[in-house]
All heavy atoms as atom14 arrays in JSON, in Angstrom:
{
  "sequence": "TGIRVAKNILHHKLADVISLDENISLVEFYPPSSWVGRSL",
  "atom14_mask": [
    [1, 1, 1, 1, 1, 1, 1, 0, 0, 0, 0, 0, 0, 0],
    [1, 1, 1, 1, 0, 0, 0, 0, 0, 0, 0, 0, 0, 0],
    [1, 1, 1, 1, 1, 1, 1, 1, 0, 0, 0, 0, 0, 0],
    [1, 1, 1, 1, 1, 1, 1, 1, 1, 1, 1, 0, 0, 0],
    [1, 1, 1, 1, 1, 1, 1, 0, 0, 0, 0, 0, 0, 0],
    [1, 1, 1, 1, 1, 0, 0, 0, 0, 0, 0, 0, 0, 0],
    [1, 1, 1, 1, 1, 1, 1, 1, 1, 0, 0, 0, 0, 0],
    [1, 1, 1, 1, 1, 1, 1, 1, 0, 0, 0, 0, 0, 0],
    [1, 1, 1, 1, 1, 1, 1, 1, 0, 0, 0, 0, 0, 0],
    [1, 1, 1, 1, 1, 1, 1, 1, 0, 0, 0, 0, 0, 0],
    [1, 1, 1, 1, 1, 1, 1, 1, 1, 1, 0, 0, 0, 0],
    [1, 1, 1, 1, 1, 1, 1, 1, 1, 1, 0, 0, 0, 0],
    [1, 1, 1, 1, 1, 1, 1, 1, 1, 0, 0, 0, 0, 0],
    [1, 1, 1, 1, 1, 1, 1, 1, 0, 0, 0, 0, 0, 0],
    [1, 1, 1, 1, 1, 0, 0, 0, 0, 0, 0, 0, 0, 0],
    [1, 1, 1, 1, 1, 1, 1, 1, 0, 0, 0, 0, 0, 0],
    [1, 1, 1, 1, 1, 1, 1, 0, 0, 0, 0, 0, 0, 0],
    [1, 1, 1, 1, 1, 1, 1, 1, 0, 0, 0, 0, 0, 0],
    [1, 1, 1, 1, 1, 1, 0, 0, 0, 0, 0, 0, 0, 0],
    [1, 1, 1, 1, 1, 1, 1, 1, 0, 0, 0, 0, 0, 0],
    [1, 1, 1, 1, 1, 1, 1, 1, 0, 0, 0, 0, 0, 0],
    [1, 1, 1, 1, 1, 1, 1, 1, 1, 0, 0, 0, 0, 0],
    [1, 1, 1, 1, 1, 1, 1, 1, 0, 0, 0, 0, 0, 0],
    [1, 1, 1, 1, 1, 1, 1, 1, 0, 0, 0, 0, 0, 0],
    [1, 1, 1, 1, 1, 1, 0, 0, 0, 0, 0, 0, 0, 0],
    [1, 1, 1, 1, 1, 1, 1, 1, 0, 0, 0, 0, 0, 0],
    [1, 1, 1, 1, 1, 1, 1, 0, 0, 0, 0, 0, 0, 0],
    [1, 1, 1, 1, 1, 1, 1, 1, 1, 0, 0, 0, 0, 0],
    [1, 1, 1, 1, 1, 1, 1, 1, 1, 1, 1, 0, 0, 0],
    [1, 1, 1, 1, 1, 1, 1, 1, 1, 1, 1, 1, 0, 0],
    [1, 1, 1, 1, 1, 1, 1, 0, 0, 0, 0, 0, 0, 0],
    [1, 1, 1, 1, 1, 1, 1, 0, 0, 0, 0, 0, 0, 0],
    [1, 1, 1, 1, 1, 1, 0, 0, 0, 0, 0, 0, 0, 0],
    [1, 1, 1, 1, 1, 1, 0, 0, 0, 0, 0, 0, 0, 0],
    [1, 1, 1, 1, 1, 1, 1, 1, 1, 1, 1, 1, 1, 1],
    [1, 1, 1, 1, 1, 1, 1, 0, 0, 0, 0, 0, 0, 0],
    [1, 1, 1, 1, 0, 0, 0, 0, 0, 0, 0, 0, 0, 0],
    [1, 1, 1, 1, 1, 1, 1, 1, 1, 1, 1, 0, 0, 0],
    [1, 1, 1, 1, 1, 1, 0, 0, 0, 0, 0, 0, 0, 0],
    [1, 1, 1, 1, 1, 1, 1, 1, 0, 0, 0, 0, 0, 0]
  ],
  "atom14_positions": [
    [[-29.74, -49.92, 24.64], [-29.51, -48.55, 24.45], [-28.09, -48.14, 24.93], [-27.41, -48.93, 25.69], [-30.5, -47.87, 25.3], [-30.19, -48.02, 26.77], [-31.93, -48.18, 24.99], [0.0, 0.0, 0.0], [0.0, 0.0, 0.0], [0.0, 0.0, 0.0], [0.0, 0.0, 0.0], [0.0, 0.0, 0.0], [0.0, 0.0, 0.0], [0.0, 0.0, 0.0]],
    [[-27.64, -47.0, 24.56], [-26.37, -46.55, 24.99], [-26.31, -46.42, 26.51], [-25.15, -46.61, 27.11], [0.0, 0.0, 0.0], [0.0, 0.0, 0.0], [0.0, 0.0, 0.0], [0.0, 0.0, 0.0], [0.0, 0.0, 0.0], [0.0, 0.0, 0.0], [0.0, 0.0, 0.0], [0.0, 0.0, 0.0], [0.0, 0.0, 0.0], [0.0, 0.0, 0.0]],
    [[-27.36, -45.93, 27.17], [-27.39, -45.9, 28.59], [-27.17, -47.27, 29.31], [-26.42, -47.39, 30.23], [-28.73, -45.31, 29.03], [-28.79, -43.77, 28.62], [-28.87, -45.46, 30.54], [-30.17, -43.14, 28.94], [0.0, 0.0, 0.0], [0.0, 0.0, 0.0], [0.0, 0.0, 0.0], [0.0, 0.0, 0.0], [0.0, 0.0, 0.0], [0.0, 0.0, 0.0]],
    [[-27.73, -48.26, 28.7], [-27.62, -49.62, 29.24], [-26.14, -50.11, 29.13], [-25.58, -50.66, 30.02], [-28.56, -50.56, 28.44], [-28.69, -51.95, 29.02], [-29.78, -52.55, 28.22], [-29.9, -53.98, 28.47], [-30.68, -54.86, 27.88], [-31.5, -54.36, 26.92], [-30.8, -56.13, 28.23], [0.0, 0.0, 0.0], [0.0, 0.0, 0.0], [0.0, 0.0, 0.0]],
    [[-25.54, -49.82, 28.0], [-24.27, -50.27, 27.72], [-23.2, -49.48, 28.79], [-22.28, -50.08, 29.31], [-23.71, -49.98, 26.33], [-22.26, -50.16, 26.14], [-24.52, -50.87, 25.37], [0.0, 0.0, 0.0], [0.0, 0.0, 0.0], [0.0, 0.0, 0.0], [0.0, 0.0, 0.0], [0.0, 0.0, 0.0], [0.0, 0.0, 0.0], [0.0, 0.0, 0.0]],
    [[-23.58, -48.19, 28.95], [-22.76, -47.4, 29.89], [-22.77, -47.96, 31.33], [-21.75, -48.09, 31.98], [-23.22, -45.87, 29.91], [0.0, 0.0, 0.0], [0.0, 0.0, 0.0], [0.0, 0.0, 0.0], [0.0, 0.0, 0.0], [0.0, 0.0, 0.0], [0.0, 0.0, 0.0], [0.0, 0.0, 0.0], [0.0, 0.0, 0.0], [0.0, 0.0, 0.0]],
    [[-23.91, -48.42, 31.77], [-24.01, -49.0, 33.01], [-23.3, -50.28, 33.18], [-22.7, -50.57, 34.25], [-25.54, -49.13, 33.39], [-26.21, -47.85, 33.78], [-27.67, -48.06, 34.16], [-28.32, -46.69, 34.5], [-29.73, -46.85, 34.91], [0.0, 0.0, 0.0], [0.0, 0.0, 0.0], [0.0, 0.0, 0.0], [0.0, 0.0, 0.0], [0.0, 0.0, 0.0]],
    [[-23.28, -51.07, 32.13], [-22.47, -52.3, 32.17], [-20.98, -52.01, 32.21], [-20.26, -52.8, 32.84], [-22.82, -53.16, 30.84], [-24.03, -54.05, 31.1], [-23.95, -55.14, 31.53], [-25.13, -53.47, 30.73], [0.0, 0.0, 0.0], [0.0, 0.0, 0.0], [0.0, 0.0, 0.0], [0.0, 0.0, 0.0], [0.0, 0.0, 0.0], [0.0, 0.0, 0.0]],
    [[-20.51, -50.92, 31.63], [-19.11, -50.57, 31.67], [-18.85, -50.08, 33.12], [-17.72, -50.43, 33.55], [-18.89, -49.41, 30.69], [-18.94, -49.93, 29.27], [-17.52, -48.7, 30.95], [-18.9, -48.86, 28.18], [0.0, 0.0, 0.0], [0.0, 0.0, 0.0], [0.0, 0.0, 0.0], [0.0, 0.0, 0.0], [0.0, 0.0, 0.0], [0.0, 0.0, 0.0]],
    [[-19.68, -49.4, 33.79], [-19.42, -48.87, 35.07], [-19.23, -49.93, 36.15], [-18.43, -49.84, 37.03], [-20.53, -47.97, 35.54], [-20.58, -46.59, 34.75], [-21.86, -45.84, 35.08], [-19.38, -45.69, 35.17], [0.0, 0.0, 0.0], [0.0, 0.0, 0.0], [0.0, 0.0, 0.0], [0.0, 0.0, 0.0], [0.0, 0.0, 0.0], [0.0, 0.0, 0.0]],
    [[-20.0, -51.03, 35.99], [-20.03, -52.13, 36.95], [-19.62, -53.49, 36.34], [-20.36, -54.08, 35.51], [-21.36, -52.27, 37.59], [-21.94, -51.06, 38.29], [-21.25, -50.4, 39.28], [-22.99, -50.28, 38.0], [-22.0, -49.38, 39.62], [-22.99, -49.26, 38.83], [0.0, 0.0, 0.0], [0.0, 0.0, 0.0], [0.0, 0.0, 0.0], [0.0, 0.0, 0.0]],
    [[-18.28, -53.85, 36.59], [-17.86, -55.05, 35.87], [-18.46, -56.33, 36.17], [-18.41, -57.31, 35.55], [-16.27, -55.05, 35.9], [-15.78, -55.57, 37.19], [-15.43, -54.74, 38.29], [-15.55, -56.82, 37.7], [-15.03, -55.49, 39.28], [-15.0, -56.68, 38.99], [0.0, 0.0, 0.0], [0.0, 0.0, 0.0], [0.0, 0.0, 0.0], [0.0, 0.0, 0.0]],
    [[-19.22, -56.35, 37.36], [-19.9, -57.64, 37.78], [-21.24, -57.74, 37.11], [-21.94, -58.72, 37.22], [-20.04, -57.62, 39.23], [-18.82, -58.02, 40.16], [-18.41, -59.42, 39.87], [-17.2, -59.87, 40.78], [-16.9, -61.19, 40.59], [0.0, 0.0, 0.0], [0.0, 0.0, 0.0], [0.0, 0.0, 0.0], [0.0, 0.0, 0.0], [0.0, 0.0, 0.0]],
    [[-21.64, -56.59, 36.45], [-23.0, -56.54, 35.95], [-23.0, -57.21, 34.68], [-22.31, -57.05, 33.72], [-23.39, -55.05, 35.7], [-24.81, -54.71, 35.5], [-25.65, -55.08, 36.84], [-25.01, -53.24, 35.41], [0.0, 0.0, 0.0], [0.0, 0.0, 0.0], [0.0, 0.0, 0.0], [0.0, 0.0, 0.0], [0.0, 0.0, 0.0], [0.0, 0.0, 0.0]],
    [[-23.98, -58.26, 34.5], [-24.2, -59.01, 33.26], [-25.25, -58.3, 32.36], [-25.1, -58.31, 31.18], [-24.61, -60.4, 33.55], [0.0, 0.0, 0.0], [0.0, 0.0, 0.0], [0.0, 0.0, 0.0], [0.0, 0.0, 0.0], [0.0, 0.0, 0.0], [0.0, 0.0, 0.0], [0.0, 0.0, 0.0], [0.0, 0.0, 0.0], [0.0, 0.0, 0.0]],
    [[-26.23, -57.77, 32.94], [-27.32, -57.06, 32.19], [-28.13, -56.21, 33.17], [-28.2, -56.45, 34.4], [-28.24, -58.13, 31.49], [-29.02, -57.58, 30.39], [-28.79, -56.37, 30.04], [-29.84, -58.32, 29.74], [0.0, 0.0, 0.0], [0.0, 0.0, 0.0], [0.0, 0.0, 0.0], [0.0, 0.0, 0.0], [0.0, 0.0, 0.0], [0.0, 0.0, 0.0]],
    [[-28.79, -55.13, 32.61], [-29.62, -54.28, 33.38], [-30.73, -53.79, 32.47], [-30.58, -53.39, 31.31], [-28.82, -53.15, 34.02], [-28.06, -52.3, 32.9], [-29.76, -52.18, 34.8], [0.0, 0.0, 0.0], [0.0, 0.0, 0.0], [0.0, 0.0, 0.0], [0.0, 0.0, 0.0], [0.0, 0.0, 0.0], [0.0, 0.0, 0.0], [0.0, 0.0, 0.0]],
    [[-31.98, -53.83, 33.0], [-33.09, -53.35, 32.23], [-33.86, -52.35, 33.15], [-34.28, -52.77, 34.24], [-34.13, -54.49, 31.65], [-33.19, -55.45, 30.82], [-35.22, -53.92, 31.07], [-34.01, -56.68, 30.48], [0.0, 0.0, 0.0], [0.0, 0.0, 0.0], [0.0, 0.0, 0.0], [0.0, 0.0, 0.0], [0.0, 0.0, 0.0], [0.0, 0.0, 0.0]],
    [[-34.05, -51.26, 32.69], [-34.83, -50.21, 33.51], [-36.34, -50.55, 33.32], [-36.83, -50.4, 32.24], [-34.55, -48.77, 33.06], [-33.18, -48.45, 33.34], [0.0, 0.0, 0.0], [0.0, 0.0, 0.0], [0.0, 0.0, 0.0], [0.0, 0.0, 0.0], [0.0, 0.0, 0.0], [0.0, 0.0, 0.0], [0.0, 0.0, 0.0], [0.0, 0.0, 0.0]],
    [[-36.97, -50.9, 34.44], [-38.4, -51.14, 34.34], [-39.2, -49.95, 34.3], [-40.25, -49.82, 33.75], [-38.76, -52.09, 35.51], [-38.06, -53.41, 35.55], [-38.52, -54.16, 36.85], [-38.29, -54.21, 34.25], [0.0, 0.0, 0.0], [0.0, 0.0, 0.0], [0.0, 0.0, 0.0], [0.0, 0.0, 0.0], [0.0, 0.0, 0.0], [0.0, 0.0, 0.0]],
    [[-38.71, -48.92, 35.09], [-39.24, -47.57, 35.0], [-38.26, -46.7, 35.59], [-37.13, -46.98, 35.66], [-40.6, -47.48, 35.83], [-40.46, -47.86, 37.34], [-39.39, -47.55, 37.85], [-41.45, -48.16, 37.92], [0.0, 0.0, 0.0], [0.0, 0.0, 0.0], [0.0, 0.0, 0.0], [0.0, 0.0, 0.0], [0.0, 0.0, 0.0], [0.0, 0.0, 0.0]],
    [[-38.66, -45.37, 35.89], [-37.63, -44.45, 36.29], [-36.99, -44.77, 37.57], [-35.8, -44.33, 37.88], [-38.23, -43.04, 36.48], [-38.73, -42.36, 35.11], [-39.31, -41.03, 35.39], [-39.3, -40.58, 36.5], [-39.63, -40.39, 34.36], [0.0, 0.0, 0.0], [0.0, 0.0, 0.0], [0.0, 0.0, 0.0], [0.0, 0.0, 0.0], [0.0, 0.0, 0.0]],
    [[-37.56, -45.6, 38.45], [-37.08, -45.94, 39.74], [-36.58, -47.34, 39.96], [-35.74, -47.5, 40.86], [-38.23, -45.63, 40.74], [-38.58, -44.13, 40.77], [-37.86, -43.27, 40.68], [-39.88, -43.91, 40.66], [0.0, 0.0, 0.0], [0.0, 0.0, 0.0], [0.0, 0.0, 0.0], [0.0, 0.0, 0.0], [0.0, 0.0, 0.0], [0.0, 0.0, 0.0]],
    [[-36.96, -48.25, 39.16], [-36.69, -49.62, 39.42], [-35.96, -50.23, 38.23], [-36.29, -50.0, 37.02], [-37.95, -50.45, 39.69], [-38.71, -49.78, 40.93], [-37.74, -51.95, 39.92], [-37.94, -49.99, 42.2], [0.0, 0.0, 0.0], [0.0, 0.0, 0.0], [0.0, 0.0, 0.0], [0.0, 0.0, 0.0], [0.0, 0.0, 0.0], [0.0, 0.0, 0.0]],
    [[-34.89, -51.17, 38.55], [-34.26, -51.79, 37.46], [-34.14, -53.29, 37.75], [-34.09, -53.68, 38.89], [-32.66, -51.26, 37.42], [-32.72, -49.92, 36.89], [0.0, 0.0, 0.0], [0.0, 0.0, 0.0], [0.0, 0.0, 0.0], [0.0, 0.0, 0.0], [0.0, 0.0, 0.0], [0.0, 0.0, 0.0], [0.0, 0.0, 0.0], [0.0, 0.0, 0.0]],
    [[-34.21, -54.02, 36.77], [-33.91, -55.47, 36.84], [-32.46, -55.72, 36.46], [-32.0, -55.26, 35.4], [-34.89, -56.22, 35.75], [-34.66, -57.68, 35.76], [-35.18, -58.4, 37.08], [-35.44, -58.41, 34.43], [0.0, 0.0, 0.0], [0.0, 0.0, 0.0], [0.0, 0.0, 0.0], [0.0, 0.0, 0.0], [0.0, 0.0, 0.0], [0.0, 0.0, 0.0]],
    [[-31.7, -56.31, 37.32], [-30.32, -56.48, 37.17], [-29.95, -57.96, 37.17], [-30.44, -58.75, 37.97], [-29.49, -55.66, 38.14], [-29.72, -54.19, 37.99], [-29.78, -56.1, 39.64], [0.0, 0.0, 0.0], [0.0, 0.0, 0.0], [0.0, 0.0, 0.0], [0.0, 0.0, 0.0], [0.0, 0.0, 0.0], [0.0, 0.0, 0.0], [0.0, 0.0, 0.0]],
    [[-28.99, -58.35, 36.34], [-28.28, -59.65, 36.38], [-26.84, -59.47, 36.61], [-26.24, -58.6, 35.78], [-28.58, -60.41, 35.08], [-30.06, -60.67, 34.8], [-30.23, -61.66, 33.65], [-29.38, -62.43, 33.32], [-31.39, -61.79, 33.14], [0.0, 0.0, 0.0], [0.0, 0.0, 0.0], [0.0, 0.0, 0.0], [0.0, 0.0, 0.0], [0.0, 0.0, 0.0]],
    [[-26.33, -60.13, 37.66], [-24.93, -59.82, 38.02], [-24.15, -61.08, 38.53], [-24.94, -61.89, 39.06], [-24.84, -58.67, 38.96], [-25.47, -58.9, 40.24], [-24.8, -59.32, 41.38], [-26.85, -58.71, 40.43], [-25.42, -59.47, 42.62], [-27.5, -58.94, 41.59], [-26.85, -59.33, 42.75], [0.0, 0.0, 0.0], [0.0, 0.0, 0.0], [0.0, 0.0, 0.0]],
    [[-22.97, -61.08, 38.44], [-22.12, -62.18, 39.03], [-21.86, -61.77, 40.53], [-21.63, -60.63, 40.8], [-20.8, -62.27, 38.37], [-20.93, -62.84, 36.93], [-21.06, -61.93, 35.91], [-21.03, -64.22, 36.7], [-21.24, -62.38, 34.57], [-21.25, -64.7, 35.38], [-21.32, -63.73, 34.3], [-21.58, -64.25, 33.05], [0.0, 0.0, 0.0], [0.0, 0.0, 0.0]],
    [[-21.9, -62.72, 41.42], [-21.77, -62.31, 42.84], [-20.34, -61.89, 43.17], [-19.4, -62.54, 42.67], [-22.19, -63.64, 43.59], [-21.84, -64.71, 42.57], [-22.25, -64.14, 41.17], [0.0, 0.0, 0.0], [0.0, 0.0, 0.0], [0.0, 0.0, 0.0], [0.0, 0.0, 0.0], [0.0, 0.0, 0.0], [0.0, 0.0, 0.0], [0.0, 0.0, 0.0]],
    [[-20.2, -60.96, 43.97], [-18.84, -60.58, 44.5], [-18.3, -61.72, 45.38], [-19.01, -62.5, 45.95], [-19.06, -59.29, 45.33], [-20.48, -59.4, 45.69], [-21.23, -60.03, 44.6], [0.0, 0.0, 0.0], [0.0, 0.0, 0.0], [0.0, 0.0, 0.0], [0.0, 0.0, 0.0], [0.0, 0.0, 0.0], [0.0, 0.0, 0.0], [0.0, 0.0, 0.0]],
    [[-16.97, -61.83, 45.39], [-16.34, -62.9, 46.16], [-16.79, -62.99, 47.63], [-16.76, -64.06, 48.22], [-14.82, -62.73, 46.06], [-14.37, -61.52, 46.61], [0.0, 0.0, 0.0], [0.0, 0.0, 0.0], [0.0, 0.0, 0.0], [0.0, 0.0, 0.0], [0.0, 0.0, 0.0], [0.0, 0.0, 0.0], [0.0, 0.0, 0.0], [0.0, 0.0, 0.0]],
    [[-17.08, -61.85, 48.23], [-17.56, -61.85, 49.62], [-18.83, -62.45, 49.87], [-19.17, -62.77, 50.95], [-17.55, -60.38, 50.13], [-18.44, -59.58, 49.41], [0.0, 0.0, 0.0], [0.0, 0.0, 0.0], [0.0, 0.0, 0.0], [0.0, 0.0, 0.0], [0.0, 0.0, 0.0], [0.0, 0.0, 0.0], [0.0, 0.0, 0.0], [0.0, 0.0, 0.0]],
    [[-19.62, -62.73, 48.77], [-20.99, -63.33, 48.93], [-20.86, -64.94, 48.68], [-21.65, -65.64, 49.07], [-21.95, -62.81, 47.9], [-22.39, -61.4, 48.08], [-21.72, -60.52, 48.85], [-23.42, -60.75, 47.46], [-22.31, -59.21, 48.72], [-23.38, -59.42, 47.86], [-24.42, -61.13, 46.48], [-24.33, -58.46, 47.39], [-25.33, -60.21, 46.01], [-25.26, -58.87, 46.53]],
    [[-19.77, -65.36, 47.99], [-19.63, -66.71, 47.58], [-19.53, -67.57, 48.8], [-18.75, -67.34, 49.73], [-18.46, -66.99, 46.67], [-18.24, -68.45, 46.31], [-18.63, -66.08, 45.38], [0.0, 0.0, 0.0], [0.0, 0.0, 0.0], [0.0, 0.0, 0.0], [0.0, 0.0, 0.0], [0.0, 0.0, 0.0], [0.0, 0.0, 0.0], [0.0, 0.0, 0.0]],
    [[-20.34, -68.74, 48.82], [-20.26, -69.65, 49.85], [-21.18, -69.23, 51.09], [-21.28, -70.02, 52.04], [0.0, 0.0, 0.0], [0.0, 0.0, 0.0], [0.0, 0.0, 0.0], [0.0, 0.0, 0.0], [0.0, 0.0, 0.0], [0.0, 0.0, 0.0], [0.0, 0.0, 0.0], [0.0, 0.0, 0.0], [0.0, 0.0, 0.0], [0.0, 0.0, 0.0]],
    [[-21.83, -68.12, 50.93], [-22.67, -67.7, 52.11], [-24.23, -67.91, 51.72], [-24.58, -67.81, 50.48], [-22.44, -66.21, 52.49], [-21.03, -66.0, 52.9], [-20.64, -64.51, 53.17], [-21.45, -63.96, 54.3], [-21.56, -62.71, 54.63], [-20.82, -61.86, 54.03], [-22.27, -62.31, 55.65], [0.0, 0.0, 0.0], [0.0, 0.0, 0.0], [0.0, 0.0, 0.0]],
    [[-25.0, -68.0, 52.7], [-26.53, -68.23, 52.5], [-27.23, -66.82, 52.44], [-26.62, -65.83, 52.92], [-27.13, -69.1, 53.61], [-27.0, -68.43, 54.82], [0.0, 0.0, 0.0], [0.0, 0.0, 0.0], [0.0, 0.0, 0.0], [0.0, 0.0, 0.0], [0.0, 0.0, 0.0], [0.0, 0.0, 0.0], [0.0, 0.0, 0.0], [0.0, 0.0, 0.0]],
    [[-28.38, -66.86, 51.88], [-29.17, -65.61, 51.86], [-29.47, -65.02, 53.25], [-29.49, -63.83, 53.5], [-30.38, -65.83, 51.06], [-30.28, -66.15, 49.6], [-31.6, -66.26, 48.89], [-29.41, -65.05, 48.79], [0.0, 0.0, 0.0], [0.0, 0.0, 0.0], [0.0, 0.0, 0.0], [0.0, 0.0, 0.0], [0.0, 0.0, 0.0], [0.0, 0.0, 0.0]]
  ]
}
């Protein structure tokens, strides 16, 4: 959808986003550099 594409434009680390409902989204994204090499 156009909304989905817009959200990908807004966040350059975002690989994909799917709205599961009005409040919850499933997101796929590349980790920011500050997360790399660190544990959960």
